[in-house]
Amino acid sequence: MANEKLTFLTQFVRQPMSVGAIAPSSAALADKITAPVPRTGDPVVVELGPGTGSFTGEIQRRLGGRGHQLAIEINTDFAEALSRRYPAVDVISDDARKLRELLAARGHRQADVIVSGLPWAAFQERLQQNLLDAVADGLADDGAFTTFAYLFAIWTPPAARLRTALRARFEEVTLGRTVWANVPPALVYHCRRPIRTHAHGTAHDPVSAATTTD
């Protein structure tokens, strides 16, 4: 754990806009954000921005050797460390915007679950929009997407922009209770029923909700 925190802090200092946090996420947050990973079947589960693997191990535990677990990490140092730590996980050092292409190269049309540790608030609007388009396009109709935001920043313009973008791409967007055990405290967004045509440029005005779950 100490080495993981040091690695994370080192990468934050080197690339603060792509790492977006100074410490790994907690086990409590990992439990909440990986909740949609099914306990049965052979699902395709994709993790975007796994960093040092705070969510990766919990996804692996929930899968129990089933399905296909992919972790897409643009930071090569993180990706190499993650490959060594979790040799059973398909770690890809690439851009998450290429999600459909990366899935297709592995024989998958779409993912059943997408879990994101990406630092949305650190991204420029266009990058944020393109990444979310890739998520909505890469998720199965009955799939689930989860991501999180820090409580202290929930009402900042980037966080508000994220909520608006999620509601434009998913028919259902719910917000979980605060995970106080995380540092800093965080909230998880649970998104379902992707609006497929948004990624191809068609405007939509879906009816969606932002409620508290669990």
C-alpha atoms as a PDB file:
ATOM      1  CA  MET A   1       0.000   0.000   0.000  1.00  0.00           C
ATOM      2  CA  ALA A   2       2.810   2.423   0.835  1.00  0.00           C
ATOM      3  CA  ASN A   3       4.482   1.745  -2.520  1.00  0.00           C
ATOM      4  CA  GLU A   4       1.139   2.208  -4.287  1.00  0.00           C
ATOM      5  CA  LYS A   5       0.605   5.603  -2.660  1.00  0.00           C
ATOM      6  CA  LEU A   6       4.143   6.696  -3.501  1.00  0.00           C
ATOM      7  CA  THR A   7       3.718   5.624  -7.132  1.00  0.00           C
ATOM      8  CA  PHE A   8       0.433   7.497  -7.363  1.00  0.00           C
ATOM      9  CA  LEU A   9       1.866  10.676  -5.836  1.00  0.00           C
ATOM     10  CA  THR A  10       4.908  10.525  -8.113  1.00  0.00           C
ATOM     11  CA  GLN A  11       2.738  10.258 -11.222  1.00  0.00           C
ATOM     12  CA  PHE A  12       0.492  13.079  -9.984  1.00  0.00           C
ATOM     13  CA  VAL A  13       3.516  15.367  -9.668  1.00  0.00           C
ATOM     14  CA  ARG A  14       4.686  14.401 -13.160  1.00  0.00           C
ATOM     15  CA  GLN A  15       1.290  14.491 -14.901  1.00  0.00           C
ATOM     16  CA  PRO A  16      -1.299  16.188 -12.669  1.00  0.00           C
ATOM     17  CA  MET A  17      -3.879  16.756 -15.411  1.00  0.00           C
ATOM     18  CA  SER A  18      -4.021  13.093 -16.430  1.00  0.00           C
ATOM     19  CA  VAL A  19      -3.784  11.587 -12.946  1.00  0.00           C
ATOM     20  CA  GLY A  20      -6.112  14.072 -11.249  1.00  0.00           C
ATOM     21  CA  ALA A  21      -5.678  12.900  -7.622  1.00  0.00           C
ATOM     22  CA  ILE A  22      -2.857  12.618  -5.134  1.00  0.00           C
ATOM     23  CA  ALA A  23      -3.833   9.248  -3.618  1.00  0.00           C
ATOM     24  CA  PRO A  24      -5.473   5.984  -4.739  1.00  0.00           C
ATOM     25  CA  SER A  25      -9.179   5.416  -4.139  1.00  0.00           C
ATOM     26  CA  SER A  26     -10.262   3.539  -1.001  1.00  0.00           C
ATOM     27  CA  ALA A  27     -11.624   0.002  -0.666  1.00  0.00           C
ATOM     28  CA  ALA A  28     -14.971   1.522   0.334  1.00  0.00           C
ATOM     29  CA  LEU A  29     -15.193   3.458  -2.929  1.00  0.00           C
ATOM     30  CA  ALA A  30     -14.036   0.412  -4.894  1.00  0.00           C
ATOM     31  CA  ASP A  31     -16.877  -1.615  -3.370  1.00  0.00           C
ATOM     32  CA  LYS A  32     -19.489   0.936  -4.447  1.00  0.00           C
ATOM     33  CA  ILE A  33     -18.187   1.637  -7.926  1.00  0.00           C
ATOM     34  CA  THR A  34     -17.797  -2.044  -8.886  1.00  0.00           C
ATOM     35  CA  ALA A  35     -21.263  -3.022  -7.623  1.00  0.00           C
ATOM     36  CA  PRO A  36     -22.681  -3.560 -11.174  1.00  0.00           C
ATOM     37  CA  VAL A  37     -20.145  -6.312 -11.970  1.00  0.00           C
ATOM     38  CA  PRO A  38     -22.381  -9.411 -12.231  1.00  0.00           C
ATOM     39  CA  ARG A  39     -21.822 -12.405  -9.981  1.00  0.00           C
ATOM     40  CA  THR A  40     -22.697 -14.880 -12.751  1.00  0.00           C
ATOM     41  CA  GLY A  41     -22.038 -15.366 -16.454  1.00  0.00           C
ATOM     42  CA  ASP A  42     -19.043 -14.287 -18.510  1.00  0.00           C
ATOM     43  CA  PRO A  43     -19.266 -10.506 -18.733  1.00  0.00           C
ATOM     44  CA  VAL A  44     -16.888  -8.123 -20.465  1.00  0.00           C
ATOM     45  CA  VAL A  45     -15.821  -5.600 -17.834  1.00  0.00           C
ATOM     46  CA  VAL A  46     -13.763  -2.562 -18.827  1.00  0.00           C
ATOM     47  CA  GLU A  47     -11.965  -0.247 -16.426  1.00  0.00           C
ATOM     48  CA  LEU A  48     -10.945   3.183 -17.698  1.00  0.00           C
ATOM     49  CA  GLY A  49      -8.054   4.927 -15.951  1.00  0.00           C
ATOM     50  CA  PRO A  50      -7.216   2.171 -13.441  1.00  0.00           C
ATOM     51  CA  GLY A  51      -4.123   3.959 -12.130  1.00  0.00           C
ATOM     52  CA  THR A  52      -2.479   1.726  -9.530  1.00  0.00           C
ATOM     53  CA  GLY A  53      -5.435  -0.678  -9.468  1.00  0.00           C
ATOM     54  CA  SER A  54      -7.688   0.424  -6.611  1.00  0.00           C
ATOM     55  CA  PHE A  55     -10.740  -0.859  -8.494  1.00  0.00           C
ATOM     56  CA  THR A  56      -8.940  -3.533 -10.534  1.00  0.00           C
ATOM     57  CA  GLY A  57      -8.524  -5.975  -7.665  1.00  0.00           C
ATOM     58  CA  GLU A  58     -12.169  -5.664  -6.615  1.00  0.00           C
ATOM     59  CA  ILE A  59     -13.346  -6.261 -10.189  1.00  0.00           C
ATOM     60  CA  GLN A  60     -11.130  -9.330 -10.360  1.00  0.00           C
ATOM     61  CA  ARG A  61     -12.505 -10.596  -7.043  1.00  0.00           C
ATOM     62  CA  ARG A  62     -16.102 -10.160  -8.180  1.00  0.00           C
ATOM     63  CA  LEU A  63     -15.457 -11.881 -11.513  1.00  0.00           C
ATOM     64  CA  GLY A  64     -13.702 -14.834  -9.905  1.00  0.00           C
ATOM     65  CA  GLY A  65     -11.983 -15.820 -13.150  1.00  0.00           C
ATOM     66  CA  ARG A  66     -15.082 -15.404 -15.339  1.00  0.00           C
ATOM     67  CA  GLY A  67     -15.471 -13.255 -18.424  1.00  0.00           C
ATOM     68  CA  HIS A  68     -12.898 -10.797 -19.774  1.00  0.00           C
ATOM     69  CA  GLN A  69     -11.451  -7.973 -17.693  1.00  0.00           C
ATOM     70  CA  LEU A  70      -9.822  -5.092 -19.574  1.00  0.00           C
ATOM     71  CA  ALA A  71      -8.041  -2.127 -18.026  1.00  0.00           C
ATOM     72  CA  ILE A  72      -7.272   0.837 -20.305  1.00  0.00           C
ATOM     73  CA  GLU A  73      -4.579   3.122 -18.906  1.00  0.00           C
ATOM     74  CA  ILE A  74      -2.886   5.871 -20.925  1.00  0.00           C
ATOM     75  CA  ASN A  75      -0.071   6.327 -18.375  1.00  0.00           C
ATOM     76  CA  THR A  76       2.564   3.753 -19.374  1.00  0.00           C
ATOM     77  CA  ASP A  77       4.143   3.599 -15.894  1.00  0.00           C
ATOM     78  CA  PHE A  78       0.783   2.795 -14.331  1.00  0.00           C
ATOM     79  CA  ALA A  79       0.010   0.265 -17.083  1.00  0.00           C
ATOM     80  CA  GLU A  80       3.285  -1.594 -16.654  1.00  0.00           C
ATOM     81  CA  ALA A  81       2.917  -1.751 -12.875  1.00  0.00           C
ATOM     82  CA  LEU A  82      -0.689  -2.898 -13.216  1.00  0.00           C
ATOM     83  CA  SER A  83       0.296  -5.695 -15.613  1.00  0.00           C
ATOM     84  CA  ARG A  84       2.815  -6.999 -13.102  1.00  0.00           C
ATOM     85  CA  ARG A  85       0.396  -6.744 -10.189  1.00  0.00           C
ATOM     86  CA  TYR A  86      -2.578  -8.306 -12.020  1.00  0.00           C
ATOM     87  CA  PRO A  87      -1.224 -10.670 -14.702  1.00  0.00           C
ATOM     88  CA  ALA A  88      -4.701 -12.134 -15.343  1.00  0.00           C
ATOM     89  CA  VAL A  89      -6.065  -8.722 -16.371  1.00  0.00           C
ATOM     90  CA  ASP A  90      -5.845  -7.561 -19.988  1.00  0.00           C
ATOM     91  CA  VAL A  91      -4.044  -4.243 -19.416  1.00  0.00           C
ATOM     92  CA  ILE A  92      -3.982  -1.932 -22.437  1.00  0.00           C
ATOM     93  CA  SER A  93      -1.770   1.161 -22.561  1.00  0.00           C
ATOM     94  CA  ASP A  94      -3.867   3.309 -24.860  1.00  0.00           C
ATOM     95  CA  ASP A  95      -6.421   6.128 -25.138  1.00  0.00           C
ATOM     96  CA  ALA A  96      -9.897   5.374 -23.707  1.00  0.00           C
ATOM     97  CA  ARG A  97     -11.475   7.225 -26.661  1.00  0.00           C
ATOM     98  CA  LYS A  98     -10.554   4.167 -28.755  1.00  0.00           C
ATOM     99  CA  LEU A  99     -12.730   1.899 -26.609  1.00  0.00           C
ATOM    100  CA  ARG A 100     -14.804   0.332 -29.407  1.00  0.00           C
ATOM    101  CA  GLU A 101     -11.677  -0.297 -31.479  1.00  0.00           C
ATOM    102  CA  LEU A 102      -9.890  -1.892 -28.529  1.00  0.00           C
ATOM    103  CA  LEU A 103     -12.890  -4.099 -27.758  1.00  0.00           C
ATOM    104  CA  ALA A 104     -13.234  -5.168 -31.390  1.00  0.00           C
ATOM    105  CA  ALA A 105      -9.560  -6.151 -31.537  1.00  0.00           C
ATOM    106  CA  ARG A 106     -10.345  -8.635 -28.753  1.00  0.00           C
ATOM    107  CA  GLY A 107     -13.474 -10.005 -30.369  1.00  0.00           C
ATOM    108  CA  HIS A 108     -16.003  -8.008 -28.342  1.00  0.00           C
ATOM    109  CA  ARG A 109     -18.702  -5.764 -29.748  1.00  0.00           C
ATOM    110  CA  GLN A 110     -19.425  -3.914 -26.516  1.00  0.00           C
ATOM    111  CA  ALA A 111     -18.807  -4.083 -22.775  1.00  0.00           C
ATOM    112  CA  ASP A 112     -21.319  -5.264 -20.184  1.00  0.00           C
ATOM    113  CA  VAL A 113     -19.883  -3.023 -17.466  1.00  0.00           C
ATOM    114  CA  ILE A 114     -17.602   0.007 -17.687  1.00  0.00           C
ATOM    115  CA  VAL A 115     -15.999   1.343 -14.515  1.00  0.00           C
ATOM    116  CA  SER A 116     -14.184   4.670 -14.678  1.00  0.00           C
ATOM    117  CA  GLY A 117     -11.476   6.153 -12.495  1.00  0.00           C
ATOM    118  CA  LEU A 118     -10.796   8.966 -14.979  1.00  0.00           C
ATOM    119  CA  PRO A 119     -10.273  12.472 -13.513  1.00  0.00           C
ATOM    120  CA  TRP A 120     -13.188  14.168 -15.295  1.00  0.00           C
ATOM    121  CA  ALA A 121     -12.740  17.526 -13.571  1.00  0.00           C
ATOM    122  CA  ALA A 122      -9.179  17.763 -14.901  1.00  0.00           C
ATOM    123  CA  PHE A 123     -10.245  17.383 -18.543  1.00  0.00           C
ATOM    124  CA  GLN A 124     -11.088  20.085 -21.039  1.00  0.00           C
ATOM    125  CA  GLU A 125     -14.727  19.995 -22.162  1.00  0.00           C
ATOM    126  CA  ARG A 126     -14.064  18.510 -25.606  1.00  0.00           C
ATOM    127  CA  LEU A 127     -11.967  15.654 -24.203  1.00  0.00           C
ATOM    128  CA  GLN A 128     -14.595  14.956 -21.545  1.00  0.00           C
ATOM    129  CA  GLN A 129     -17.334  14.858 -24.189  1.00  0.00           C
ATOM    130  CA  ASN A 130     -15.342  12.583 -26.509  1.00  0.00           C
ATOM    131  CA  LEU A 131     -14.563  10.149 -23.702  1.00  0.00           C
ATOM    132  CA  LEU A 132     -18.211   9.949 -22.655  1.00  0.00           C
ATOM    133  CA  ASP A 133     -19.253   9.425 -26.277  1.00  0.00           C
ATOM    134  CA  ALA A 134     -16.856   6.474 -26.391  1.00  0.00           C
ATOM    135  CA  VAL A 135     -18.325   5.085 -23.169  1.00  0.00           C
ATOM    136  CA  ALA A 136     -21.942   5.350 -24.357  1.00  0.00           C
ATOM    137  CA  ASP A 137     -21.026   3.836 -27.720  1.00  0.00           C
ATOM    138  CA  GLY A 138     -18.998   1.031 -26.157  1.00  0.00           C
ATOM    139  CA  LEU A 139     -21.582  -0.099 -23.601  1.00  0.00           C
ATOM    140  CA  ALA A 140     -24.203  -2.797 -24.233  1.00  0.00           C
ATOM    141  CA  ASP A 141     -27.869  -1.740 -24.186  1.00  0.00           C
ATOM    142  CA  ASP A 142     -28.401  -3.459 -20.835  1.00  0.00           C
ATOM    143  CA  GLY A 143     -24.955  -2.573 -19.499  1.00  0.00           C
ATOM    144  CA  ALA A 144     -23.927  -0.295 -16.645  1.00  0.00           C
ATOM    145  CA  PHE A 145     -21.425   2.531 -16.353  1.00  0.00           C
ATOM    146  CA  THR A 146     -20.092   3.852 -13.040  1.00  0.00           C
ATOM    147  CA  THR A 147     -17.796   6.744 -12.265  1.00  0.00           C
ATOM    148  CA  PHE A 148     -17.215   9.014  -9.300  1.00  0.00           C
ATOM    149  CA  ALA A 149     -16.732  12.618  -8.241  1.00  0.00           C
ATOM    150  CA  TYR A 150     -15.265  14.176  -5.114  1.00  0.00           C
ATOM    151  CA  LEU A 151     -17.777  15.685  -2.721  1.00  0.00           C
ATOM    152  CA  PHE A 152     -15.865  18.936  -2.199  1.00  0.00           C
ATOM    153  CA  ALA A 153     -16.024  19.664  -5.935  1.00  0.00           C
ATOM    154  CA  ILE A 154     -19.562  18.462  -6.666  1.00  0.00           C
ATOM    155  CA  TRP A 155     -20.914  21.958  -7.364  1.00  0.00           C
ATOM    156  CA  THR A 156     -17.984  23.254  -9.397  1.00  0.00           C
ATOM    157  CA  PRO A 157     -18.492  23.995 -13.126  1.00  0.00           C
ATOM    158  CA  PRO A 158     -16.561  20.880 -14.300  1.00  0.00           C
ATOM    159  CA  ALA A 159     -18.681  18.645 -12.044  1.00  0.00           C
ATOM    160  CA  ALA A 160     -21.899  20.264 -13.248  1.00  0.00           C
ATOM    161  CA  ARG A 161     -20.721  19.782 -16.830  1.00  0.00           C
ATOM    162  CA  LEU A 162     -20.116  16.092 -16.122  1.00  0.00           C
ATOM    163  CA  ARG A 163     -23.648  15.629 -14.761  1.00  0.00           C
ATOM    164  CA  THR A 164     -25.133  17.334 -17.799  1.00  0.00           C
ATOM    165  CA  ALA A 165     -23.026  15.204 -20.134  1.00  0.00           C
ATOM    166  CA  LEU A 166     -24.016  11.976 -18.369  1.00  0.00           C
ATOM    167  CA  ARG A 167     -27.723  12.824 -18.579  1.00  0.00           C
ATOM    168  CA  ALA A 168     -27.332  13.509 -22.289  1.00  0.00           C
ATOM    169  CA  ARG A 169     -25.888  10.054 -22.862  1.00  0.00           C
ATOM    170  CA  PHE A 170     -27.835   7.816 -20.469  1.00  0.00           C
ATOM    171  CA  GLU A 171     -31.545   7.516 -19.810  1.00  0.00           C
ATOM    172  CA  GLU A 172     -30.889   6.714 -16.160  1.00  0.00           C
ATOM    173  CA  VAL A 173     -28.316   8.525 -14.024  1.00  0.00           C
ATOM    174  CA  THR A 174     -28.447   8.013 -10.266  1.00  0.00           C
ATOM    175  CA  LEU A 175     -26.133   9.367  -7.592  1.00  0.00           C
ATOM    176  CA  GLY A 176     -25.118   7.189  -4.649  1.00  0.00           C
ATOM    177  CA  ARG A 177     -24.627   8.253  -1.056  1.00  0.00           C
ATOM    178  CA  THR A 178     -21.366   9.873  -0.012  1.00  0.00           C
ATOM    179  CA  VAL A 179     -18.476   7.459   0.563  1.00  0.00           C
ATOM    180  CA  TRP A 180     -17.045   9.154   3.645  1.00  0.00           C
ATOM    181  CA  ALA A 181     -14.318   6.523   4.053  1.00  0.00           C
ATOM    182  CA  ASN A 182     -12.634   7.726   0.886  1.00  0.00           C
ATOM    183  CA  VAL A 183     -10.017  10.514   1.019  1.00  0.00           C
ATOM    184  CA  PRO A 184     -11.417  12.891  -0.033  1.00  0.00           C
ATOM    185  CA  PRO A 185     -15.079  11.770   0.330  1.00  0.00           C
ATOM    186  CA  ALA A 186     -16.637  10.798  -2.991  1.00  0.00           C
ATOM    187  CA  LEU A 187     -19.948   9.991  -4.671  1.00  0.00           C
ATOM    188  CA  VAL A 188     -20.616   7.383  -7.341  1.00  0.00           C
ATOM    189  CA  TYR A 189     -22.673   7.953 -10.488  1.00  0.00           C
ATOM    190  CA  HIS A 190     -24.597   4.866 -11.693  1.00  0.00           C
ATOM    191  CA  CYS A 191     -25.605   5.111 -15.354  1.00  0.00           C
ATOM    192  CA  ARG A 192     -27.749   2.755 -17.461  1.00  0.00           C
ATOM    193  CA  ARG A 193     -29.444   2.570 -20.861  1.00  0.00           C
ATOM    194  CA  PRO A 194     -26.961   4.424 -23.074  1.00  0.00           C
ATOM    195  CA  ILE A 195     -28.365   6.749 -25.707  1.00  0.00           C
ATOM    196  CA  ARG A 196     -26.620   5.219 -28.674  1.00  0.00           C
ATOM    197  CA  THR A 197     -27.111   7.834 -31.379  1.00  0.00           C
ATOM    198  CA  HIS A 198     -25.547  10.684 -29.362  1.00  0.00           C
ATOM    199  CA  ALA A 199     -22.096   9.397 -30.307  1.00  0.00           C
ATOM    200  CA  HIS A 200     -23.016   9.869 -33.955  1.00  0.00           C
ATOM    201  CA  GLY A 201     -24.027  13.498 -33.608  1.00  0.00           C
ATOM    202  CA  THR A 202     -27.821  13.342 -33.157  1.00  0.00           C
ATOM    203  CA  ALA A 203     -29.226  15.661 -30.515  1.00  0.00           C
ATOM    204  CA  HIS A 204     -31.391  14.241 -27.727  1.00  0.00           C
ATOM    205  CA  ASP A 205     -33.229  15.627 -24.758  1.00  0.00           C
ATOM    206  CA  PRO A 206     -33.809  12.541 -22.586  1.00  0.00           C
ATOM    207  CA  VAL A 207     -35.845  12.472 -19.415  1.00  0.00           C
ATOM    208  CA  SER A 208     -33.448  11.380 -16.684  1.00  0.00           C
ATOM    209  CA  ALA A 209     -33.139  11.431 -12.918  1.00  0.00           C
ATOM    210  CA  ALA A 210     -30.417  12.107 -10.386  1.00  0.00           C
ATOM    211  CA  THR A 211     -31.503  10.320  -7.236  1.00  0.00           C
ATOM    212  CA  THR A 212     -29.772   8.794  -4.241  1.00  0.00           C
ATOM    213  CA  THR A 213     -29.221   5.042  -4.305  1.00  0.00           C
ATOM    214  CA  ASP A 214     -28.089   2.344  -1.854  1.00  0.00           C
END
